[in-house]
Amino acid sequence: MAPKQIVITTVTMTVFTWSGVMVAVGQTAAATALAPALAVTVQQIVSAARTSGAPRPMAAAGDKEDDAP
């Protein structure tokens, strides 16, 4: 497993464990309030895990000096 995957897995498990603890101690309102943030966290983690890590080439945006006003 790559170091990036280990960090992603650790962070994800920490967030979900903390949410589970909050529900277990009766703080369902806190867990409910954090649910959208958890959903975004999962979405970002999945998106980051799917990328190849290679930078995408940037399109040149008119570098000519003649285009300046």
PDB file of N, CA and C in Angstrom:
ATOM      1  N   MET A   1       0.844  -1.169   0.000  1.00  0.00           N
ATOM      2  CA  MET A   1       0.000   0.000   0.000  1.00  0.00           C
ATOM      3  C   MET A   1       0.897   1.243   0.000  1.00  0.00           C
ATOM      4  N   ALA A   2       0.556   2.192  -0.835  1.00  0.00           N
ATOM      5  CA  ALA A   2       1.346   3.415  -0.957  1.00  0.00           C
ATOM      6  C   ALA A   2       1.134   4.312   0.263  1.00  0.00           C
ATOM      7  N   PRO A   3       2.109   5.146   0.589  1.00  0.00           N
ATOM      8  CA  PRO A   3       1.963   6.053   1.740  1.00  0.00           C
ATOM      9  C   PRO A   3       0.723   6.951   1.634  1.00  0.00           C
ATOM     10  N   LYS A   4       0.392   7.384   0.425  1.00  0.00           N
ATOM     11  CA  LYS A   4      -0.787   8.233   0.232  1.00  0.00           C
ATOM     12  C   LYS A   4      -2.053   7.476   0.626  1.00  0.00           C
ATOM     13  N   GLN A   5      -2.134   6.212   0.252  1.00  0.00           N
ATOM     14  CA  GLN A   5      -3.304   5.408   0.591  1.00  0.00           C
ATOM     15  C   GLN A   5      -3.392   5.163   2.094  1.00  0.00           C
ATOM     16  N   ILE A   6      -2.258   5.006   2.736  1.00  0.00           N
ATOM     17  CA  ILE A   6      -2.247   4.800   4.186  1.00  0.00           C
ATOM     18  C   ILE A   6      -2.778   6.039   4.896  1.00  0.00           C
ATOM     19  N   VAL A   7      -2.354   7.211   4.462  1.00  0.00           N
ATOM     20  CA  VAL A   7      -2.821   8.454   5.069  1.00  0.00           C
ATOM     21  C   VAL A   7      -4.322   8.629   4.829  1.00  0.00           C
ATOM     22  N   ILE A   8      -4.769   8.388   3.609  1.00  0.00           N
ATOM     23  CA  ILE A   8      -6.189   8.524   3.283  1.00  0.00           C
ATOM     24  C   ILE A   8      -7.020   7.578   4.132  1.00  0.00           C
ATOM     25  N   THR A   9      -6.582   6.335   4.252  1.00  0.00           N
ATOM     26  CA  THR A   9      -7.313   5.346   5.043  1.00  0.00           C
ATOM     27  C   THR A   9      -7.331   5.739   6.519  1.00  0.00           C
ATOM     28  N   THR A  10      -6.208   6.203   7.033  1.00  0.00           N
ATOM     29  CA  THR A  10      -6.129   6.602   8.438  1.00  0.00           C
ATOM     30  C   THR A  10      -7.059   7.772   8.731  1.00  0.00           C
ATOM     31  N   VAL A  11      -7.049   8.773   7.896  1.00  0.00           N
ATOM     32  CA  VAL A  11      -7.910   9.938   8.097  1.00  0.00           C
ATOM     33  C   VAL A  11      -9.380   9.537   8.012  1.00  0.00           C
ATOM     34  N   THR A  12      -9.717   8.733   7.038  1.00  0.00           N
ATOM     35  CA  THR A  12     -11.103   8.297   6.885  1.00  0.00           C
ATOM     36  C   THR A  12     -11.579   7.516   8.108  1.00  0.00           C
ATOM     37  N   MET A  13     -10.771   6.584   8.567  1.00  0.00           N
ATOM     38  CA  MET A  13     -11.158   5.782   9.729  1.00  0.00           C
ATOM     39  C   MET A  13     -11.259   6.643  10.986  1.00  0.00           C
ATOM     40  N   THR A  14     -10.389   7.625  11.126  1.00  0.00           N
ATOM     41  CA  THR A  14     -10.450   8.525  12.278  1.00  0.00           C
ATOM     42  C   THR A  14     -11.751   9.316  12.288  1.00  0.00           C
ATOM     43  N   VAL A  15     -12.129   9.849  11.135  1.00  0.00           N
ATOM     44  CA  VAL A  15     -13.362  10.640  11.039  1.00  0.00           C
ATOM     45  C   VAL A  15     -14.577   9.775  11.351  1.00  0.00           C
ATOM     46  N   PHE A  16     -14.635   8.587  10.775  1.00  0.00           N
ATOM     47  CA  PHE A  16     -15.789   7.722  11.010  1.00  0.00           C
ATOM     48  C   PHE A  16     -15.815   7.190  12.446  1.00  0.00           C
ATOM     49  N   THR A  17     -14.668   6.913  13.011  1.00  0.00           N
ATOM     50  CA  THR A  17     -14.628   6.465  14.399  1.00  0.00           C
ATOM     51  C   THR A  17     -15.114   7.563  15.327  1.00  0.00           C
ATOM     52  N   TRP A  18     -14.657   8.782  15.088  1.00  0.00           N
ATOM     53  CA  TRP A  18     -15.098   9.903  15.922  1.00  0.00           C
ATOM     54  C   TRP A  18     -16.615  10.093  15.805  1.00  0.00           C
ATOM     55  N   SER A  19     -17.159   9.952  14.616  1.00  0.00           N
ATOM     56  CA  SER A  19     -18.615  10.067  14.438  1.00  0.00           C
ATOM     57  C   SER A  19     -19.339   8.967  15.200  1.00  0.00           C
ATOM     58  N   GLY A  20     -18.807   7.760  15.152  1.00  0.00           N
ATOM     59  CA  GLY A  20     -19.407   6.643  15.876  1.00  0.00           C
ATOM     60  C   GLY A  20     -19.378   6.862  17.381  1.00  0.00           C
ATOM     61  N   VAL A  21     -18.292   7.412  17.879  1.00  0.00           N
ATOM     62  CA  VAL A  21     -18.184   7.713  19.314  1.00  0.00           C
ATOM     63  C   VAL A  21     -19.205   8.773  19.704  1.00  0.00           C
ATOM     64  N   MET A  22     -19.358   9.786  18.882  1.00  0.00           N
ATOM     65  CA  MET A  22     -20.328  10.846  19.174  1.00  0.00           C
ATOM     66  C   MET A  22     -21.743  10.288  19.251  1.00  0.00           C
ATOM     67  N   VAL A  23     -22.102   9.392  18.357  1.00  0.00           N
ATOM     68  CA  VAL A  23     -23.430   8.778  18.386  1.00  0.00           C
ATOM     69  C   VAL A  23     -23.558   7.884  19.621  1.00  0.00           C
ATOM     70  N   ALA A  24     -22.511   7.141  19.947  1.00  0.00           N
ATOM     71  CA  ALA A  24     -22.550   6.219  21.086  1.00  0.00           C
ATOM     72  C   ALA A  24     -22.744   6.944  22.411  1.00  0.00           C
ATOM     73  N   VAL A  25     -22.215   8.151  22.537  1.00  0.00           N
ATOM     74  CA  VAL A  25     -22.364   8.886  23.794  1.00  0.00           C
ATOM     75  C   VAL A  25     -23.602   9.785  23.788  1.00  0.00           C
ATOM     76  N   GLY A  26     -24.416   9.650  22.778  1.00  0.00           N
ATOM     77  CA  GLY A  26     -25.683  10.374  22.751  1.00  0.00           C
ATOM     78  C   GLY A  26     -25.645  11.721  22.080  1.00  0.00           C
ATOM     79  N   GLN A  27     -24.611  12.023  21.378  1.00  0.00           N
ATOM     80  CA  GLN A  27     -24.501  13.306  20.691  1.00  0.00           C
ATOM     81  C   GLN A  27     -24.933  13.165  19.228  1.00  0.00           C
ATOM     82  N   THR A  28     -26.131  12.657  19.038  1.00  0.00           N
ATOM     83  CA  THR A  28     -26.607  12.443  17.665  1.00  0.00           C
ATOM     84  C   THR A  28     -26.778  13.759  16.924  1.00  0.00           C
ATOM     85  N   ALA A  29     -27.104  14.838  17.652  1.00  0.00           N
ATOM     86  CA  ALA A  29     -27.247  16.138  16.993  1.00  0.00           C
ATOM     87  C   ALA A  29     -25.911  16.575  16.391  1.00  0.00           C
ATOM     88  N   ALA A  30     -24.829  16.333  17.103  1.00  0.00           N
ATOM     89  CA  ALA A  30     -23.508  16.696  16.583  1.00  0.00           C
ATOM     90  C   ALA A  30     -23.167  15.845  15.365  1.00  0.00           C
ATOM     91  N   ALA A  31     -23.458  14.555  15.447  1.00  0.00           N
ATOM     92  CA  ALA A  31     -23.172  13.675  14.317  1.00  0.00           C
ATOM     93  C   ALA A  31     -24.030  14.038  13.114  1.00  0.00           C
ATOM     94  N   THR A  32     -25.288  14.412  13.361  1.00  0.00           N
ATOM     95  CA  THR A  32     -26.179  14.814  12.275  1.00  0.00           C
ATOM     96  C   THR A  32     -25.694  16.110  11.633  1.00  0.00           C
ATOM     97  N   ALA A  33     -25.222  17.032  12.443  1.00  0.00           N
ATOM     98  CA  ALA A  33     -24.718  18.296  11.909  1.00  0.00           C
ATOM     99  C   ALA A  33     -23.455  18.087  11.077  1.00  0.00           C
ATOM    100  N   LEU A  34     -22.673  17.074  11.425  1.00  0.00           N
ATOM    101  CA  LEU A  34     -21.432  16.804  10.693  1.00  0.00           C
ATOM    102  C   LEU A  34     -21.622  15.895   9.484  1.00  0.00           C
ATOM    103  N   ALA A  35     -22.819  15.335   9.315  1.00  0.00           N
ATOM    104  CA  ALA A  35     -23.051  14.397   8.216  1.00  0.00           C
ATOM    105  C   ALA A  35     -22.720  14.981   6.840  1.00  0.00           C
ATOM    106  N   PRO A  36     -23.123  16.208   6.524  1.00  0.00           N
ATOM    107  CA  PRO A  36     -22.750  16.756   5.207  1.00  0.00           C
ATOM    108  C   PRO A  36     -21.238  16.882   5.031  1.00  0.00           C
ATOM    109  N   ALA A  37     -20.550  17.276   6.093  1.00  0.00           N
ATOM    110  CA  ALA A  37     -19.087  17.380   6.010  1.00  0.00           C
ATOM    111  C   ALA A  37     -18.461  16.014   5.807  1.00  0.00           C
ATOM    112  N   LEU A  38     -19.017  15.003   6.446  1.00  0.00           N
ATOM    113  CA  LEU A  38     -18.511  13.645   6.261  1.00  0.00           C
ATOM    114  C   LEU A  38     -18.732  13.169   4.828  1.00  0.00           C
ATOM    115  N   ALA A  39     -19.886  13.504   4.272  1.00  0.00           N
ATOM    116  CA  ALA A  39     -20.181  13.115   2.897  1.00  0.00           C
ATOM    117  C   ALA A  39     -19.190  13.766   1.921  1.00  0.00           C
ATOM    118  N   VAL A  40     -18.906  15.044   2.141  1.00  0.00           N
ATOM    119  CA  VAL A  40     -17.936  15.734   1.285  1.00  0.00           C
ATOM    120  C   VAL A  40     -16.539  15.152   1.478  1.00  0.00           C
ATOM    121  N   THR A  41     -16.210  14.807   2.712  1.00  0.00           N
ATOM    122  CA  THR A  41     -14.910  14.202   2.994  1.00  0.00           C
ATOM    123  C   THR A  41     -14.749  12.899   2.223  1.00  0.00           C
ATOM    124  N   VAL A  42     -15.754  12.065   2.272  1.00  0.00           N
ATOM    125  CA  VAL A  42     -15.703  10.793   1.546  1.00  0.00           C
ATOM    126  C   VAL A  42     -15.587  11.039   0.055  1.00  0.00           C
ATOM    127  N   GLN A  43     -16.353  11.991  -0.472  1.00  0.00           N
ATOM    128  CA  GLN A  43     -16.301  12.296  -1.893  1.00  0.00           C
ATOM    129  C   GLN A  43     -14.902  12.772  -2.298  1.00  0.00           C
ATOM    130  N   GLN A  44     -14.295  13.623  -1.505  1.00  0.00           N
ATOM    131  CA  GLN A  44     -12.957  14.125  -1.817  1.00  0.00           C
ATOM    132  C   GLN A  44     -11.911  13.023  -1.730  1.00  0.00           C
ATOM    133  N   ILE A  45     -12.050  12.139  -0.755  1.00  0.00           N
ATOM    134  CA  ILE A  45     -11.101  11.045  -0.606  1.00  0.00           C
ATOM    135  C   ILE A  45     -11.192  10.100  -1.797  1.00  0.00           C
ATOM    136  N   VAL A  46     -12.397   9.768  -2.206  1.00  0.00           N
ATOM    137  CA  VAL A  46     -12.574   8.888  -3.365  1.00  0.00           C
ATOM    138  C   VAL A  46     -12.022   9.552  -4.617  1.00  0.00           C
ATOM    139  N   SER A  47     -12.279  10.849  -4.772  1.00  0.00           N
ATOM    140  CA  SER A  47     -11.768  11.573  -5.929  1.00  0.00           C
ATOM    141  C   SER A  47     -10.242  11.601  -5.936  1.00  0.00           C
ATOM    142  N   ALA A  48      -9.646  11.840  -4.780  1.00  0.00           N
ATOM    143  CA  ALA A  48      -8.182  11.869  -4.690  1.00  0.00           C
ATOM    144  C   ALA A  48      -7.584  10.498  -4.932  1.00  0.00           C
ATOM    145  N   ALA A  49      -8.258   9.472  -4.479  1.00  0.00           N
ATOM    146  CA  ALA A  49      -7.741   8.116  -4.651  1.00  0.00           C
ATOM    147  C   ALA A  49      -7.796   7.675  -6.107  1.00  0.00           C
ATOM    148  N   ARG A  50      -8.740   8.209  -6.866  1.00  0.00           N
ATOM    149  CA  ARG A  50      -8.888   7.809  -8.270  1.00  0.00           C
ATOM    150  C   ARG A  50      -7.922   8.521  -9.206  1.00  0.00           C
ATOM    151  N   THR A  51      -7.382   9.662  -8.811  1.00  0.00           N
ATOM    152  CA  THR A  51      -6.472  10.393  -9.684  1.00  0.00           C
ATOM    153  C   THR A  51      -5.144   9.656  -9.774  1.00  0.00           C
ATOM    154  N   SER A  52      -4.497   9.816 -10.887  1.00  0.00           N
ATOM    155  CA  SER A  52      -3.238   9.106 -11.103  1.00  0.00           C
ATOM    156  C   SER A  52      -2.066   9.781 -10.414  1.00  0.00           C
ATOM    157  N   GLY A  53      -2.228  11.018  -9.999  1.00  0.00           N
ATOM    158  CA  GLY A  53      -1.150  11.736  -9.343  1.00  0.00           C
ATOM    159  C   GLY A  53      -0.292  12.532 -10.309  1.00  0.00           C
ATOM    160  N   ALA A  54      -0.453  12.292 -11.589  1.00  0.00           N
ATOM    161  CA  ALA A  54       0.307  13.027 -12.587  1.00  0.00           C
ATOM    162  C   ALA A  54      -0.348  14.387 -12.815  1.00  0.00           C
ATOM    163  N   PRO A  55       0.436  15.447 -12.871  1.00  0.00           N
ATOM    164  CA  PRO A  55      -0.152  16.759 -13.107  1.00  0.00           C
ATOM    165  C   PRO A  55      -0.714  16.855 -14.520  1.00  0.00           C
ATOM    166  N   ARG A  56      -1.817  17.555 -14.633  1.00  0.00           N
ATOM    167  CA  ARG A  56      -2.431  17.741 -15.947  1.00  0.00           C
ATOM    168  C   ARG A  56      -1.767  18.919 -16.639  1.00  0.00           C
ATOM    169  N   PRO A  57      -1.547  18.816 -17.938  1.00  0.00           N
ATOM    170  CA  PRO A  57      -0.932  19.934 -18.654  1.00  0.00           C
ATOM    171  C   PRO A  57      -1.893  21.117 -18.720  1.00  0.00           C
ATOM    172  N   MET A  58      -1.337  22.300 -18.527  1.00  0.00           N
ATOM    173  CA  MET A  58      -2.141  23.516 -18.583  1.00  0.00           C
ATOM    174  C   MET A  58      -2.154  24.023 -20.017  1.00  0.00           C
ATOM    175  N   ALA A  59      -3.301  24.508 -20.450  1.00  0.00           N
ATOM    176  CA  ALA A  59      -3.414  25.080 -21.785  1.00  0.00           C
ATOM    177  C   ALA A  59      -2.808  26.477 -21.774  1.00  0.00           C
ATOM    178  N   ALA A  60      -2.049  26.792 -22.795  1.00  0.00           N
ATOM    179  CA  ALA A  60      -1.447  28.117 -22.884  1.00  0.00           C
ATOM    180  C   ALA A  60      -2.553  29.144 -23.105  1.00  0.00           C
ATOM    181  N   ALA A  61      -2.514  30.216 -22.339  1.00  0.00           N
ATOM    182  CA  ALA A  61      -3.579  31.229 -22.404  1.00  0.00           C
ATOM    183  C   ALA A  61      -3.023  32.535 -22.960  1.00  0.00           C
ATOM    184  N   GLY A  62      -2.811  32.587 -24.243  1.00  0.00           N
ATOM    185  CA  GLY A  62      -2.413  33.825 -24.916  1.00  0.00           C
ATOM    186  C   GLY A  62      -1.255  34.535 -24.277  1.00  0.00           C
ATOM    187  N   ASP A  63      -0.054  34.009 -24.424  1.00  0.00           N
ATOM    188  CA  ASP A  63       1.122  34.601 -23.803  1.00  0.00           C
ATOM    189  C   ASP A  63       1.749  35.707 -24.659  1.00  0.00           C
ATOM    190  N   LYS A  64       1.097  36.095 -25.714  1.00  0.00           N
ATOM    191  CA  LYS A  64       1.675  37.103 -26.602  1.00  0.00           C
ATOM    192  C   LYS A  64       1.580  38.487 -25.964  1.00  0.00           C
ATOM    193  N   GLU A  65       2.636  39.280 -26.140  1.00  0.00           N
ATOM    194  CA  GLU A  65       2.643  40.633 -25.596  1.00  0.00           C
ATOM    195  C   GLU A  65       1.729  41.543 -26.406  1.00  0.00           C
ATOM    196  N   ASP A  66       1.461  41.180 -27.643  1.00  0.00           N
ATOM    197  CA  ASP A  66       0.608  42.011 -28.506  1.00  0.00           C
ATOM    198  C   ASP A  66      -0.842  42.011 -28.029  1.00  0.00           C
ATOM    199  N   ASP A  67      -1.227  41.011 -27.231  1.00  0.00           N
ATOM    200  CA  ASP A  67      -2.602  40.929 -26.770  1.00  0.00           C
ATOM    201  C   ASP A  67      -2.879  41.870 -25.606  1.00  0.00           C
ATOM    202  N   ALA A  68      -1.850  42.429 -24.995  1.00  0.00           N
ATOM    203  CA  ALA A  68      -2.033  43.297 -23.840  1.00  0.00           C
ATOM    204  C   ALA A  68      -2.720  44.591 -24.260  1.00  0.00           C
ATOM    205  N   PRO A  69      -3.584  45.141 -23.407  1.00  0.00           N
ATOM    206  CA  PRO A  69      -4.280  46.393 -23.767  1.00  0.00           C
ATOM    207  C   PRO A  69      -3.351  47.588 -23.755  1.00  0.00           C
TER     208      PRO A  69
END
